[in-house]
């Protein structure tokens, strides 16, 4: 009877270790997916920023009033300065 208990205890311990290992693997997989998600979000944000910058750089300024034209010039300078840094 004592031997049966020891066998059950060892089997229980093995099962717990297997569960711990499975949890570690699941955590690793989750972390990797989260990294990929964040990288994808960063790429989308960068693409959106480039699109907005392109629209500013190529905008038709012929119909802008003086304040709008000043804002446009400031934004173009900022965009160009950022591009020069990169």
PDB file of N, CA and C in Angstrom:
ATOM      1  N   UNK A   1       0.814  -1.183   0.000  1.00  0.00           N
ATOM      2  CA  UNK A   1       0.000   0.000   0.000  1.00  0.00           C
ATOM      3  C   UNK A   1       0.868   1.262   0.000  1.00  0.00           C
ATOM      4  N   UNK A   2       1.913   1.212   0.753  1.00  0.00           N
ATOM      5  CA  UNK A   2       2.840   2.349   0.801  1.00  0.00           C
ATOM      6  C   UNK A   2       3.479   2.589  -0.560  1.00  0.00           C
ATOM      7  N   UNK A   3       3.808   1.518  -1.242  1.00  0.00           N
ATOM      8  CA  UNK A   3       4.419   1.629  -2.571  1.00  0.00           C
ATOM      9  C   UNK A   3       3.445   2.279  -3.558  1.00  0.00           C
ATOM     10  N   UNK A   4       2.174   1.957  -3.472  1.00  0.00           N
ATOM     11  CA  UNK A   4       1.175   2.555  -4.359  1.00  0.00           C
ATOM     12  C   UNK A   4       1.103   4.057  -4.144  1.00  0.00           C
ATOM     13  N   UNK A   5       1.162   4.459  -2.883  1.00  0.00           N
ATOM     14  CA  UNK A   5       1.128   5.888  -2.576  1.00  0.00           C
ATOM     15  C   UNK A   5       2.354   6.577  -3.163  1.00  0.00           C
ATOM     16  N   UNK A   6       3.518   5.968  -3.029  1.00  0.00           N
ATOM     17  CA  UNK A   6       4.742   6.554  -3.575  1.00  0.00           C
ATOM     18  C   UNK A   6       4.656   6.661  -5.096  1.00  0.00           C
ATOM     19  N   UNK A   7       4.115   5.653  -5.740  1.00  0.00           N
ATOM     20  CA  UNK A   7       3.956   5.670  -7.196  1.00  0.00           C
ATOM     21  C   UNK A   7       3.005   6.801  -7.591  1.00  0.00           C
ATOM     22  N   UNK A   8       1.876   6.925  -6.879  1.00  0.00           N
ATOM     23  CA  UNK A   8       0.918   7.996  -7.165  1.00  0.00           C
ATOM     24  C   UNK A   8       1.569   9.364  -6.962  1.00  0.00           C
ATOM     25  N   UNK A   9       2.346   9.491  -5.891  1.00  0.00           N
ATOM     26  CA  UNK A   9       3.029  10.762  -5.618  1.00  0.00           C
ATOM     27  C   UNK A   9       4.009  11.121  -6.728  1.00  0.00           C
ATOM     28  N   UNK A  10       4.767  10.143  -7.189  1.00  0.00           N
ATOM     29  CA  UNK A  10       5.722  10.395  -8.283  1.00  0.00           C
ATOM     30  C   UNK A  10       4.993  10.770  -9.567  1.00  0.00           C
ATOM     31  N   UNK A  11       3.904  10.072  -9.839  1.00  0.00           N
ATOM     32  CA  UNK A  11       3.125  10.386 -11.039  1.00  0.00           C
ATOM     33  C   UNK A  11       2.527  11.787 -10.944  1.00  0.00           C
ATOM     34  N   UNK A  12       2.043  12.132  -9.757  1.00  0.00           N
ATOM     35  CA  UNK A  12       1.497  13.474  -9.541  1.00  0.00           C
ATOM     36  C   UNK A  12       2.592  14.530  -9.732  1.00  0.00           C
ATOM     37  N   UNK A  13       3.775  14.264  -9.195  1.00  0.00           N
ATOM     38  CA  UNK A  13       4.895  15.195  -9.340  1.00  0.00           C
ATOM     39  C   UNK A  13       5.289  15.356 -10.811  1.00  0.00           C
ATOM     40  N   UNK A  14       5.320  14.239 -11.536  1.00  0.00           N
ATOM     41  CA  UNK A  14       5.643  14.301 -12.964  1.00  0.00           C
ATOM     42  C   UNK A  14       4.599  15.112 -13.717  1.00  0.00           C
ATOM     43  N   UNK A  15       3.341  14.917 -13.368  1.00  0.00           N
ATOM     44  CA  UNK A  15       2.263  15.652 -14.034  1.00  0.00           C
ATOM     45  C   UNK A  15       2.380  17.150 -13.732  1.00  0.00           C
ATOM     46  N   UNK A  16       2.717  17.489 -12.495  1.00  0.00           N
ATOM     47  CA  UNK A  16       2.890  18.897 -12.134  1.00  0.00           C
ATOM     48  C   UNK A  16       4.051  19.522 -12.912  1.00  0.00           C
ATOM     49  N   UNK A  17       5.149  18.794 -13.024  1.00  0.00           N
ATOM     50  CA  UNK A  17       6.297  19.292 -13.789  1.00  0.00           C
ATOM     51  C   UNK A  17       5.927  19.480 -15.253  1.00  0.00           C
ATOM     52  N   UNK A  18       5.179  18.542 -15.799  1.00  0.00           N
ATOM     53  CA  UNK A  18       4.736  18.658 -17.194  1.00  0.00           C
ATOM     54  C   UNK A  18       3.838  19.882 -17.359  1.00  0.00           C
ATOM     55  N   UNK A  19       2.962  20.115 -16.389  1.00  0.00           N
ATOM     56  CA  UNK A  19       2.089  21.297 -16.441  1.00  0.00           C
ATOM     57  C   UNK A  19       2.909  22.580 -16.372  1.00  0.00           C
ATOM     58  N   UNK A  20       3.907  22.601 -15.495  1.00  0.00           N
ATOM     59  CA  UNK A  20       4.766  23.780 -15.383  1.00  0.00           C
ATOM     60  C   UNK A  20       5.494  24.043 -16.691  1.00  0.00           C
ATOM     61  N   UNK A  21       5.999  22.985 -17.296  1.00  0.00           N
ATOM     62  CA  UNK A  21       6.710  23.128 -18.569  1.00  0.00           C
ATOM     63  C   UNK A  21       5.764  23.620 -19.667  1.00  0.00           C
ATOM     64  N   UNK A  22       4.561  23.086 -19.687  1.00  0.00           N
ATOM     65  CA  UNK A  22       3.569  23.525 -20.678  1.00  0.00           C
ATOM     66  C   UNK A  22       3.223  24.994 -20.462  1.00  0.00           C
ATOM     67  N   UNK A  23       3.107  25.403 -19.200  1.00  0.00           N
ATOM     68  CA  UNK A  23       2.830  26.815 -18.903  1.00  0.00           C
ATOM     69  C   UNK A  23       3.966  27.702 -19.385  1.00  0.00           C
ATOM     70  N   UNK A  24       5.202  27.268 -19.181  1.00  0.00           N
ATOM     71  CA  UNK A  24       6.357  28.046 -19.644  1.00  0.00           C
ATOM     72  C   UNK A  24       6.335  28.198 -21.154  1.00  0.00           C
ATOM     73  N   UNK A  25       6.046  27.118 -21.852  1.00  0.00           N
ATOM     74  CA  UNK A  25       5.985  27.168 -23.315  1.00  0.00           C
ATOM     75  C   UNK A  25       4.850  28.080 -23.782  1.00  0.00           C
ATOM     76  N   UNK A  26       3.717  28.012 -23.106  1.00  0.00           N
ATOM     77  CA  UNK A  26       2.589  28.873 -23.467  1.00  0.00           C
ATOM     78  C   UNK A  26       2.952  30.340 -23.232  1.00  0.00           C
ATOM     79  N   UNK A  27       3.638  30.608 -22.133  1.00  0.00           N
ATOM     80  CA  UNK A  27       4.070  31.979 -21.849  1.00  0.00           C
ATOM     81  C   UNK A  27       5.032  32.480 -22.924  1.00  0.00           C
ATOM     82  N   UNK A  28       5.965  31.632 -23.327  1.00  0.00           N
ATOM     83  CA  UNK A  28       6.914  32.017 -24.379  1.00  0.00           C
ATOM     84  C   UNK A  28       6.183  32.320 -25.685  1.00  0.00           C
ATOM     85  N   UNK A  29       5.219  31.474 -26.018  1.00  0.00           N
ATOM     86  CA  UNK A  29       4.456  31.674 -27.250  1.00  0.00           C
ATOM     87  C   UNK A  29       3.653  32.973 -27.168  1.00  0.00           C
ATOM     88  N   UNK A  30       3.063  33.243 -26.010  1.00  0.00           N
ATOM     89  CA  UNK A  30       2.289  34.472 -25.831  1.00  0.00           C
ATOM     90  C   UNK A  30       3.189  35.693 -25.975  1.00  0.00           C
ATOM     91  N   UNK A  31       4.350  35.643 -25.361  1.00  0.00           N
ATOM     92  CA  UNK A  31       5.287  36.769 -25.438  1.00  0.00           C
ATOM     93  C   UNK A  31       5.715  37.005 -26.884  1.00  0.00           C
ATOM     94  N   UNK A  32       5.983  35.952 -27.614  1.00  0.00           N
ATOM     95  CA  UNK A  32       6.382  36.090 -29.019  1.00  0.00           C
ATOM     96  C   UNK A  32       5.251  36.701 -29.850  1.00  0.00           C
ATOM     97  N   UNK A  33       4.034  36.240 -29.621  1.00  0.00           N
ATOM     98  CA  UNK A  33       2.892  36.814 -30.347  1.00  0.00           C
ATOM     99  C   UNK A  33       2.697  38.288 -29.993  1.00  0.00           C
ATOM    100  N   UNK A  34       2.896  38.618 -28.737  1.00  0.00           N
ATOM    101  CA  UNK A  34       2.743  40.007 -28.309  1.00  0.00           C
ATOM    102  C   UNK A  34       3.819  40.885 -28.965  1.00  0.00           C
ATOM    103  N   UNK A  35       5.035  40.373 -29.053  1.00  0.00           N
ATOM    104  CA  UNK A  35       6.104  41.119 -29.733  1.00  0.00           C
ATOM    105  C   UNK A  35       5.740  41.366 -31.189  1.00  0.00           C
ATOM    106  N   UNK A  36       5.243  40.336 -31.851  1.00  0.00           N
ATOM    107  CA  UNK A  36       4.853  40.471 -33.255  1.00  0.00           C
ATOM    108  C   UNK A  36       3.717  41.472 -33.421  1.00  0.00           C
ATOM    109  N   UNK A  37       2.748  41.436 -32.493  1.00  0.00           N
ATOM    110  CA  UNK A  37       1.629  42.371 -32.552  1.00  0.00           C
ATOM    111  C   UNK A  37       2.116  43.814 -32.414  1.00  0.00           C
ATOM    112  N   UNK A  38       3.018  44.027 -31.467  1.00  0.00           N
ATOM    113  CA  UNK A  38       3.550  45.372 -31.263  1.00  0.00           C
ATOM    114  C   UNK A  38       4.371  45.840 -32.460  1.00  0.00           C
ATOM    115  N   UNK A  39       5.146  44.928 -33.041  1.00  0.00           N
ATOM    116  CA  UNK A  39       5.913  45.280 -34.241  1.00  0.00           C
ATOM    117  C   UNK A  39       4.979  45.655 -35.383  1.00  0.00           C
ATOM    118  N   UNK A  40       3.911  44.898 -35.538  1.00  0.00           N
ATOM    119  CA  UNK A  40       2.942  45.195 -36.600  1.00  0.00           C
ATOM    120  C   UNK A  40       2.262  46.540 -36.361  1.00  0.00           C
ATOM    121  N   UNK A  41       1.915  46.819 -35.116  1.00  0.00           N
ATOM    122  CA  UNK A  41       1.314  48.115 -34.805  1.00  0.00           C
ATOM    123  C   UNK A  41       2.271  49.258 -35.124  1.00  0.00           C
ATOM    124  N   UNK A  42       3.537  49.062 -34.807  1.00  0.00           N
ATOM    125  CA  UNK A  42       4.538  50.090 -35.082  1.00  0.00           C
ATOM    126  C   UNK A  42       4.667  50.312 -36.588  1.00  0.00           C
ATOM    127  N   UNK A  43       4.635  49.231 -37.358  1.00  0.00           N
ATOM    128  CA  UNK A  43       4.728  49.360 -38.810  1.00  0.00           C
ATOM    129  C   UNK A  43       3.522  50.093 -39.380  1.00  0.00           C
ATOM    130  N   UNK A  44       2.344  49.797 -38.860  1.00  0.00           N
ATOM    131  CA  UNK A  44       1.124  50.476 -39.319  1.00  0.00           C
ATOM    132  C   UNK A  44       1.194  51.955 -38.977  1.00  0.00           C
ATOM    133  N   UNK A  45       1.642  52.259 -37.758  1.00  0.00           N
ATOM    134  CA  UNK A  45       1.759  53.663 -37.346  1.00  0.00           C
ATOM    135  C   UNK A  45       2.757  54.404 -38.227  1.00  0.00           C
ATOM    136  N   UNK A  46       3.868  53.755 -38.543  1.00  0.00           N
ATOM    137  CA  UNK A  46       4.875  54.385 -39.405  1.00  0.00           C
ATOM    138  C   UNK A  46       4.321  54.608 -40.815  1.00  0.00           C
ATOM    139  N   UNK A  47       3.595  53.636 -41.328  1.00  0.00           N
ATOM    140  CA  UNK A  47       3.005  53.780 -42.660  1.00  0.00           C
ATOM    141  C   UNK A  47       1.992  54.927 -42.679  1.00  0.00           C
ATOM    142  N   UNK A  48       1.197  55.030 -41.618  1.00  0.00           N
ATOM    143  CA  UNK A  48       0.224  56.132 -41.539  1.00  0.00           C
ATOM    144  C   UNK A  48       0.922  57.472 -41.461  1.00  0.00           C
ATOM    145  N   UNK A  49       1.983  57.546 -40.689  1.00  0.00           N
ATOM    146  CA  UNK A  49       2.738  58.788 -40.584  1.00  0.00           C
ATOM    147  C   UNK A  49       3.338  59.176 -41.930  1.00  0.00           C
ATOM    148  N   UNK A  50       3.915  58.219 -42.635  1.00  0.00           N
ATOM    149  CA  UNK A  50       4.485  58.502 -43.953  1.00  0.00           C
ATOM    150  C   UNK A  50       3.414  58.992 -44.927  1.00  0.00           C
ATOM    151  N   UNK A  51       2.243  58.403 -44.843  1.00  0.00           N
ATOM    152  CA  UNK A  51       1.140  58.826 -45.708  1.00  0.00           C
ATOM    153  C   UNK A  51       0.757  60.278 -45.416  1.00  0.00           C
ATOM    154  N   UNK A  52       0.642  60.602 -44.128  1.00  0.00           N
ATOM    155  CA  UNK A  52       0.290  61.969 -43.748  1.00  0.00           C
ATOM    156  C   UNK A  52       1.377  62.953 -44.165  1.00  0.00           C
ATOM    157  N   UNK A  53       2.626  62.573 -43.973  1.00  0.00           N
ATOM    158  CA  UNK A  53       3.726  63.450 -44.371  1.00  0.00           C
ATOM    159  C   UNK A  53       3.739  63.671 -45.878  1.00  0.00           C
ATOM    160  N   UNK A  54       3.473  62.626 -46.617  1.00  0.00           N
ATOM    161  CA  UNK A  54       3.430  62.747 -48.080  1.00  0.00           C
ATOM    162  C   UNK A  54       2.321  63.710 -48.498  1.00  0.00           C
ATOM    163  N   UNK A  55       1.164  63.603 -47.850  1.00  0.00           N
ATOM    164  CA  UNK A  55       0.063  64.498 -48.176  1.00  0.00           C
ATOM    165  C   UNK A  55       0.441  65.956 -47.905  1.00  0.00           C
ATOM    166  N   UNK A  56       1.139  66.185 -46.812  1.00  0.00           N
ATOM    167  CA  UNK A  56       1.577  67.550 -46.495  1.00  0.00           C
ATOM    168  C   UNK A  56       2.597  68.027 -47.519  1.00  0.00           C
ATOM    169  N   UNK A  57       3.566  67.196 -47.821  1.00  0.00           N
ATOM    170  CA  UNK A  57       4.641  67.594 -48.733  1.00  0.00           C
ATOM    171  C   UNK A  57       4.118  67.868 -50.144  1.00  0.00           C
ATOM    172  N   UNK A  58       3.089  67.150 -50.561  1.00  0.00           N
ATOM    173  CA  UNK A  58       2.593  67.282 -51.934  1.00  0.00           C
ATOM    174  C   UNK A  58       1.302  68.102 -52.032  1.00  0.00           C
ATOM    175  N   UNK A  59       0.908  68.721 -50.930  1.00  0.00           N
ATOM    176  CA  UNK A  59      -0.355  69.458 -50.911  1.00  0.00           C
ATOM    177  C   UNK A  59      -0.316  70.666 -51.849  1.00  0.00           C
ATOM    178  N   UNK A  60      -1.467  70.945 -52.444  1.00  0.00           N
ATOM    179  CA  UNK A  60      -1.637  72.145 -53.271  1.00  0.00           C
ATOM    180  C   UNK A  60      -1.871  73.317 -52.328  1.00  0.00           C
ATOM    181  N   UNK A  61      -0.953  74.245 -52.295  1.00  0.00           N
ATOM    182  CA  UNK A  61      -1.043  75.376 -51.370  1.00  0.00           C
ATOM    183  C   UNK A  61      -1.628  76.629 -52.022  1.00  0.00           C
ATOM    184  N   UNK A  62      -2.042  76.525 -53.261  1.00  0.00           N
ATOM    185  CA  UNK A  62      -2.511  77.716 -53.987  1.00  0.00           C
ATOM    186  C   UNK A  62      -3.785  78.319 -53.392  1.00  0.00           C
ATOM    187  N   UNK A  63      -4.581  77.535 -52.692  1.00  0.00           N
ATOM    188  CA  UNK A  63      -5.844  78.052 -52.160  1.00  0.00           C
ATOM    189  C   UNK A  63      -5.798  78.272 -50.652  1.00  0.00           C
ATOM    190  N   UNK A  64      -4.628  78.196 -50.054  1.00  0.00           N
ATOM    191  CA  UNK A  64      -4.511  78.381 -48.617  1.00  0.00           C
ATOM    192  C   UNK A  64      -4.411  79.862 -48.261  1.00  0.00           C
ATOM    193  N   UNK A  65      -5.003  80.209 -47.112  1.00  0.00           N
ATOM    194  CA  UNK A  65      -4.824  81.586 -46.648  1.00  0.00           C
ATOM    195  C   UNK A  65      -3.457  81.689 -45.968  1.00  0.00           C
ATOM    196  N   UNK A  66      -3.124  82.857 -45.485  1.00  0.00           N
ATOM    197  CA  UNK A  66      -1.777  83.101 -44.957  1.00  0.00           C
ATOM    198  C   UNK A  66      -1.461  82.220 -43.738  1.00  0.00           C
ATOM    199  N   UNK A  67      -2.414  82.059 -42.828  1.00  0.00           N
ATOM    200  CA  UNK A  67      -2.183  81.228 -41.645  1.00  0.00           C
ATOM    201  C   UNK A  67      -1.998  79.759 -42.023  1.00  0.00           C
ATOM    202  N   UNK A  68      -2.829  79.281 -42.923  1.00  0.00           N
ATOM    203  CA  UNK A  68      -2.709  77.900 -43.372  1.00  0.00           C
ATOM    204  C   UNK A  68      -1.375  77.676 -44.078  1.00  0.00           C
ATOM    205  N   UNK A  69      -0.960  78.656 -44.863  1.00  0.00           N
ATOM    206  CA  UNK A  69       0.310  78.558 -45.573  1.00  0.00           C
ATOM    207  C   UNK A  69       1.477  78.525 -44.582  1.00  0.00           C
ATOM    208  N   UNK A  70       1.395  79.343 -43.538  1.00  0.00           N
ATOM    209  CA  UNK A  70       2.446  79.329 -42.524  1.00  0.00           C
ATOM    210  C   UNK A  70       2.514  77.968 -41.843  1.00  0.00           C
ATOM    211  N   UNK A  71       1.347  77.431 -41.459  1.00  0.00           N
ATOM    212  CA  UNK A  71       1.305  76.112 -40.831  1.00  0.00           C
ATOM    213  C   UNK A  71       1.920  75.070 -41.760  1.00  0.00           C
ATOM    214  N   UNK A  72       1.565  75.126 -43.037  1.00  0.00           N
ATOM    215  CA  UNK A  72       2.075  74.172 -44.016  1.00  0.00           C
ATOM    216  C   UNK A  72       3.592  74.253 -44.117  1.00  0.00           C
ATOM    217  N   UNK A  73       4.128  75.465 -44.151  1.00  0.00           N
ATOM    218  CA  UNK A  73       5.577  75.640 -44.236  1.00  0.00           C
ATOM    219  C   UNK A  73       6.279  75.082 -42.992  1.00  0.00           C
ATOM    220  N   UNK A  74       5.680  75.337 -41.821  1.00  0.00           N
ATOM    221  CA  UNK A  74       6.255  74.818 -40.576  1.00  0.00           C
ATOM    222  C   UNK A  74       6.272  73.290 -40.596  1.00  0.00           C
ATOM    223  N   UNK A  75       5.170  72.701 -40.998  1.00  0.00           N
ATOM    224  CA  UNK A  75       5.083  71.243 -41.037  1.00  0.00           C
ATOM    225  C   UNK A  75       6.079  70.655 -42.036  1.00  0.00           C
ATOM    226  N   UNK A  76       6.226  71.285 -43.187  1.00  0.00           N
ATOM    227  CA  UNK A  76       7.200  70.804 -44.172  1.00  0.00           C
ATOM    228  C   UNK A  76       8.612  70.845 -43.590  1.00  0.00           C
ATOM    229  N   UNK A  77       8.931  71.936 -42.889  1.00  0.00           N
ATOM    230  CA  UNK A  77      10.257  72.053 -42.278  1.00  0.00           C
ATOM    231  C   UNK A  77      10.486  70.950 -41.240  1.00  0.00           C
ATOM    232  N   UNK A  78       9.451  70.689 -40.429  1.00  0.00           N
ATOM    233  CA  UNK A  78       9.569  69.622 -39.426  1.00  0.00           C
ATOM    234  C   UNK A  78       9.793  68.262 -40.085  1.00  0.00           C
ATOM    235  N   UNK A  79       9.028  68.012 -41.127  1.00  0.00           N
ATOM    236  CA  UNK A  79       9.148  66.727 -41.841  1.00  0.00           C
ATOM    237  C   UNK A  79      10.542  66.598 -42.430  1.00  0.00           C
ATOM    238  N   UNK A  80      11.002  67.635 -43.084  1.00  0.00           N
ATOM    239  CA  UNK A  80      12.329  67.594 -43.696  1.00  0.00           C
ATOM    240  C   UNK A  80      13.423  67.425 -42.644  1.00  0.00           C
ATOM    241  N   UNK A  81      13.284  68.106 -41.511  1.00  0.00           N
ATOM    242  CA  UNK A  81      14.268  67.980 -40.441  1.00  0.00           C
ATOM    243  C   UNK A  81      14.311  66.555 -39.888  1.00  0.00           C
ATOM    244  N   UNK A  82      13.142  65.953 -39.715  1.00  0.00           N
ATOM    245  CA  UNK A  82      13.088  64.576 -39.227  1.00  0.00           C
ATOM    246  C   UNK A  82      13.719  63.611 -40.230  1.00  0.00           C
ATOM    247  N   UNK A  83      13.462  63.841 -41.502  1.00  0.00           N
ATOM    248  CA  UNK A  83      14.019  62.972 -42.529  1.00  0.00           C
ATOM    249  C   UNK A  83      15.552  63.108 -42.598  1.00  0.00           C
ATOM    250  N   UNK A  84      16.030  64.296 -42.362  1.00  0.00           N
ATOM    251  CA  UNK A  84      17.485  64.517 -42.385  1.00  0.00           C
ATOM    252  C   UNK A  84      18.148  63.801 -41.203  1.00  0.00           C
ATOM    253  N   UNK A  85      17.445  63.707 -40.065  1.00  0.00           N
ATOM    254  CA  UNK A  85      17.988  63.005 -38.902  1.00  0.00           C
ATOM    255  C   UNK A  85      18.098  61.522 -39.155  1.00  0.00           C
ATOM    256  N   UNK A  86      17.167  61.011 -39.909  1.00  0.00           N
ATOM    257  CA  UNK A  86      17.146  59.568 -40.198  1.00  0.00           C
ATOM    258  C   UNK A  86      18.063  59.321 -41.348  1.00  0.00           C
TER     259      UNK A  86
END
